Amino acid sequence: MAIGGAGQCLVMGAMALGGTAACASDEPLSVPSGQPVMFQEMLWDRPGAGLVYRFRFIAPEIGQEGRAYDDVEVDMQHLCEAYAIPRIADTGPQPRQIVISLARTETEFGITNPEVVQFFEAYRIEDETCILELF
């Protein structure tokens, strides 16, 4: 079940086979780089190795000058800690991993679109901190 409002999603319970909480917001989120970032959706599943939450964001400037991966990596870390962790704190089973993705435009999950710039990072949670994990 998903409850949304004012651009926030609160997920009550986790589904064993997968789920979605689509509570997109038109209001930009604050990130260290200053670029505009909007929440698109949160997905969760158990791919065999534990629960994974995917937080998907739209960042229309990524891939442009000054918005290469190295310029916005800190934004993904920030979104993991300031946006994702507070939203999963009381949802039931804790995730093995959080994946943060930024896409230039809204995309459908799992559908490849080589025309849309996308950046992804995976994190594990330790003491309310997101620790980068290599894919």
C-alpha atoms as a PDB file:
ATOM      1  CA  MET A   1       0.000   0.000   0.000  1.00  0.00           C
ATOM      2  CA  ALA A   2       1.293   3.465  -0.785  1.00  0.00           C
ATOM      3  CA  ILE A   3       0.222   6.726   0.759  1.00  0.00           C
ATOM      4  CA  GLY A   4       1.265   9.896  -1.003  1.00  0.00           C
ATOM      5  CA  GLY A   5       0.859  13.564  -0.521  1.00  0.00           C
ATOM      6  CA  ALA A   6       2.793  16.764  -1.066  1.00  0.00           C
ATOM      7  CA  GLY A   7       5.396  14.861  -3.044  1.00  0.00           C
ATOM      8  CA  GLN A   8       6.094  12.296  -0.321  1.00  0.00           C
ATOM      9  CA  CYS A   9       5.557   8.550  -0.363  1.00  0.00           C
ATOM     10  CA  LEU A  10       5.156   6.379   2.670  1.00  0.00           C
ATOM     11  CA  VAL A  11       5.060   2.686   1.998  1.00  0.00           C
ATOM     12  CA  MET A  12       3.229   0.542   4.503  1.00  0.00           C
ATOM     13  CA  GLY A  13       4.631  -2.997   4.423  1.00  0.00           C
ATOM     14  CA  ALA A  14       6.794  -4.623   1.802  1.00  0.00           C
ATOM     15  CA  MET A  15       5.638  -7.033  -0.850  1.00  0.00           C
ATOM     16  CA  ALA A  16       7.572 -10.253  -1.344  1.00  0.00           C
ATOM     17  CA  LEU A  17       7.247 -10.252  -5.125  1.00  0.00           C
ATOM     18  CA  GLY A  18       7.654  -6.580  -5.813  1.00  0.00           C
ATOM     19  CA  GLY A  19       5.841  -3.331  -5.575  1.00  0.00           C
ATOM     20  CA  THR A  20       5.599   0.259  -6.603  1.00  0.00           C
ATOM     21  CA  ALA A  21       4.880   3.510  -4.886  1.00  0.00           C
ATOM     22  CA  ALA A  22       4.351   6.153  -7.539  1.00  0.00           C
ATOM     23  CA  CYS A  23       3.998   9.529  -5.872  1.00  0.00           C
ATOM     24  CA  ALA A  24       5.824  11.807  -8.280  1.00  0.00           C
ATOM     25  CA  SER A  25       6.151  15.456  -7.402  1.00  0.00           C
ATOM     26  CA  ASP A  26       6.582  18.540  -9.539  1.00  0.00           C
ATOM     27  CA  GLU A  27       8.466  20.303  -6.756  1.00  0.00           C
ATOM     28  CA  PRO A  28      12.259  20.075  -7.064  1.00  0.00           C
ATOM     29  CA  LEU A  29      14.196  18.477  -4.236  1.00  0.00           C
ATOM     30  CA  SER A  30      17.218  20.193  -2.753  1.00  0.00           C
ATOM     31  CA  VAL A  31      20.523  18.534  -3.711  1.00  0.00           C
ATOM     32  CA  PRO A  32      24.161  19.626  -3.206  1.00  0.00           C
ATOM     33  CA  SER A  33      24.804  20.417  -6.889  1.00  0.00           C
ATOM     34  CA  GLY A  34      21.809  22.747  -7.039  1.00  0.00           C
ATOM     35  CA  GLN A  35      20.352  21.015 -10.087  1.00  0.00           C
ATOM     36  CA  PRO A  36      16.588  20.467 -10.279  1.00  0.00           C
ATOM     37  CA  VAL A  37      15.648  16.922  -9.182  1.00  0.00           C
ATOM     38  CA  MET A  38      12.110  15.554  -8.919  1.00  0.00           C
ATOM     39  CA  PHE A  39      10.977  12.268  -7.397  1.00  0.00           C
ATOM     40  CA  GLN A  40       9.534   9.851  -9.978  1.00  0.00           C
ATOM     41  CA  GLU A  41       8.781   6.632  -8.083  1.00  0.00           C
ATOM     42  CA  MET A  42       9.929   4.032  -5.611  1.00  0.00           C
ATOM     43  CA  LEU A  43      10.053   0.338  -6.504  1.00  0.00           C
ATOM     44  CA  TRP A  44      10.899  -2.628  -4.321  1.00  0.00           C
ATOM     45  CA  ASP A  45      11.543  -6.300  -4.846  1.00  0.00           C
ATOM     46  CA  ARG A  46      13.369  -9.351  -3.533  1.00  0.00           C
ATOM     47  CA  PRO A  47      15.680 -10.453  -6.372  1.00  0.00           C
ATOM     48  CA  GLY A  48      16.881 -13.536  -4.493  1.00  0.00           C
ATOM     49  CA  ALA A  49      19.615 -11.881  -2.464  1.00  0.00           C
ATOM     50  CA  GLY A  50      17.423  -9.692  -0.245  1.00  0.00           C
ATOM     51  CA  LEU A  51      15.086  -6.743  -0.339  1.00  0.00           C
ATOM     52  CA  VAL A  52      16.051  -3.878  -2.684  1.00  0.00           C
ATOM     53  CA  TYR A  53      14.417  -0.440  -2.770  1.00  0.00           C
ATOM     54  CA  ARG A  54      14.841   1.616  -5.938  1.00  0.00           C
ATOM     55  CA  PHE A  55      14.281   5.354  -5.720  1.00  0.00           C
ATOM     56  CA  ARG A  56      13.967   6.874  -9.181  1.00  0.00           C
ATOM     57  CA  PHE A  57      14.397  10.599  -9.789  1.00  0.00           C
ATOM     58  CA  ILE A  58      14.215  12.907 -12.795  1.00  0.00           C
ATOM     59  CA  ALA A  59      17.166  15.276 -13.220  1.00  0.00           C
ATOM     60  CA  PRO A  60      16.747  17.085 -16.577  1.00  0.00           C
ATOM     61  CA  GLU A  61      20.264  18.571 -16.562  1.00  0.00           C
ATOM     62  CA  ILE A  62      22.322  15.373 -16.173  1.00  0.00           C
ATOM     63  CA  GLY A  63      24.742  14.656 -18.946  1.00  0.00           C
ATOM     64  CA  GLN A  64      25.128  18.338 -19.762  1.00  0.00           C
ATOM     65  CA  GLU A  65      28.211  20.422 -19.058  1.00  0.00           C
ATOM     66  CA  GLY A  66      28.695  20.651 -15.306  1.00  0.00           C
ATOM     67  CA  ARG A  67      26.278  17.764 -14.742  1.00  0.00           C
ATOM     68  CA  ALA A  68      28.448  14.777 -15.642  1.00  0.00           C
ATOM     69  CA  TYR A  69      28.428  11.766 -13.336  1.00  0.00           C
ATOM     70  CA  ASP A  70      31.321  13.115 -11.235  1.00  0.00           C
ATOM     71  CA  ASP A  71      29.398  16.373 -10.731  1.00  0.00           C
ATOM     72  CA  VAL A  72      26.193  14.728  -9.480  1.00  0.00           C
ATOM     73  CA  GLU A  73      27.475  11.658  -7.619  1.00  0.00           C
ATOM     74  CA  VAL A  74      27.166  13.629  -4.372  1.00  0.00           C
ATOM     75  CA  ASP A  75      23.495  14.260  -5.206  1.00  0.00           C
ATOM     76  CA  MET A  76      22.802  10.528  -5.325  1.00  0.00           C
ATOM     77  CA  GLN A  77      24.481  10.019  -1.939  1.00  0.00           C
ATOM     78  CA  HIS A  78      22.453  12.910  -0.541  1.00  0.00           C
ATOM     79  CA  LEU A  79      19.172  11.537  -1.960  1.00  0.00           C
ATOM     80  CA  CYS A  80      19.936   8.152  -0.421  1.00  0.00           C
ATOM     81  CA  GLU A  81      20.521   9.598   3.040  1.00  0.00           C
ATOM     82  CA  ALA A  82      18.107  12.546   3.118  1.00  0.00           C
ATOM     83  CA  TYR A  83      15.244  11.134   1.021  1.00  0.00           C
ATOM     84  CA  ALA A  84      15.375   7.326   0.868  1.00  0.00           C
ATOM     85  CA  ILE A  85      16.412   6.346   4.403  1.00  0.00           C
ATOM     86  CA  PRO A  86      13.678   8.388   6.122  1.00  0.00           C
ATOM     87  CA  ARG A  87      11.063   6.780   3.885  1.00  0.00           C
ATOM     88  CA  ILE A  88      12.050   3.188   4.610  1.00  0.00           C
ATOM     89  CA  ALA A  89      12.778   3.496   8.315  1.00  0.00           C
ATOM     90  CA  ASP A  90       9.469   1.980   9.424  1.00  0.00           C
ATOM     91  CA  THR A  91       8.324  -0.042   6.415  1.00  0.00           C
ATOM     92  CA  GLY A  92       9.016  -3.484   7.861  1.00  0.00           C
ATOM     93  CA  PRO A  93      11.893  -5.622   6.618  1.00  0.00           C
ATOM     94  CA  GLN A  94      14.976  -3.518   6.065  1.00  0.00           C
ATOM     95  CA  PRO A  95      16.492  -3.541   2.586  1.00  0.00           C
ATOM     96  CA  ARG A  96      19.768  -5.182   1.708  1.00  0.00           C
ATOM     97  CA  GLN A  97      20.338  -2.394  -0.789  1.00  0.00           C
ATOM     98  CA  ILE A  98      19.021   0.988  -1.948  1.00  0.00           C
ATOM     99  CA  VAL A  99      19.464   1.955  -5.585  1.00  0.00           C
ATOM    100  CA  ILE A 100      19.278   5.631  -6.511  1.00  0.00           C
ATOM    101  CA  SER A 101      18.804   6.540 -10.156  1.00  0.00           C
ATOM    102  CA  LEU A 102      18.760   9.857 -11.954  1.00  0.00           C
ATOM    103  CA  ALA A 103      17.316  10.091 -15.476  1.00  0.00           C
ATOM    104  CA  ARG A 104      17.128  13.107 -17.750  1.00  0.00           C
ATOM    105  CA  THR A 105      13.434  12.405 -18.426  1.00  0.00           C
ATOM    106  CA  GLU A 106      10.826  10.085 -16.984  1.00  0.00           C
ATOM    107  CA  THR A 107      11.421   6.499 -18.093  1.00  0.00           C
ATOM    108  CA  GLU A 108       9.660   3.196 -17.620  1.00  0.00           C
ATOM    109  CA  PHE A 109      11.537   0.888 -15.270  1.00  0.00           C
ATOM    110  CA  GLY A 110      13.300  -1.983 -17.025  1.00  0.00           C
ATOM    111  CA  ILE A 111      12.923  -0.538 -20.531  1.00  0.00           C
ATOM    112  CA  THR A 112      16.198   0.445 -22.185  1.00  0.00           C
ATOM    113  CA  ASN A 113      16.204   3.843 -23.863  1.00  0.00           C
ATOM    114  CA  PRO A 114      19.670   4.791 -25.170  1.00  0.00           C
ATOM    115  CA  GLU A 115      18.472   8.342 -25.861  1.00  0.00           C
ATOM    116  CA  VAL A 116      17.934   9.091 -22.150  1.00  0.00           C
ATOM    117  CA  VAL A 117      20.966   9.777 -19.963  1.00  0.00           C
ATOM    118  CA  GLN A 118      20.717   7.837 -16.689  1.00  0.00           C
ATOM    119  CA  PHE A 119      23.014   7.450 -13.687  1.00  0.00           C
ATOM    120  CA  PHE A 120      22.659   4.699 -11.054  1.00  0.00           C
ATOM    121  CA  GLU A 121      24.284   3.922  -7.723  1.00  0.00           C
ATOM    122  CA  ALA A 122      23.698   1.172  -5.175  1.00  0.00           C
ATOM    123  CA  TYR A 123      24.128   1.611  -1.432  1.00  0.00           C
ATOM    124  CA  ARG A 124      23.919  -0.473   1.709  1.00  0.00           C
ATOM    125  CA  ILE A 125      22.724   1.143   4.919  1.00  0.00           C
ATOM    126  CA  GLU A 126      24.913   1.262   8.019  1.00  0.00           C
ATOM    127  CA  ASP A 127      24.021   3.453  11.002  1.00  0.00           C
ATOM    128  CA  GLU A 128      21.630   5.628   8.969  1.00  0.00           C
ATOM    129  CA  THR A 129      24.367   6.236   6.381  1.00  0.00           C
ATOM    130  CA  CYS A 130      24.435   5.118   2.751  1.00  0.00           C
ATOM    131  CA  ILE A 131      27.616   3.219   1.885  1.00  0.00           C
ATOM    132  CA  LEU A 132      28.413   3.008  -1.812  1.00  0.00           C
ATOM    133  CA  GLU A 133      28.467  -0.502  -3.269  1.00  0.00           C
ATOM    134  CA  LEU A 134      29.872  -1.234  -6.687  1.00  0.00           C
ATOM    135  CA  PHE A 135      27.546  -2.867  -9.190  1.00  0.00           C
END
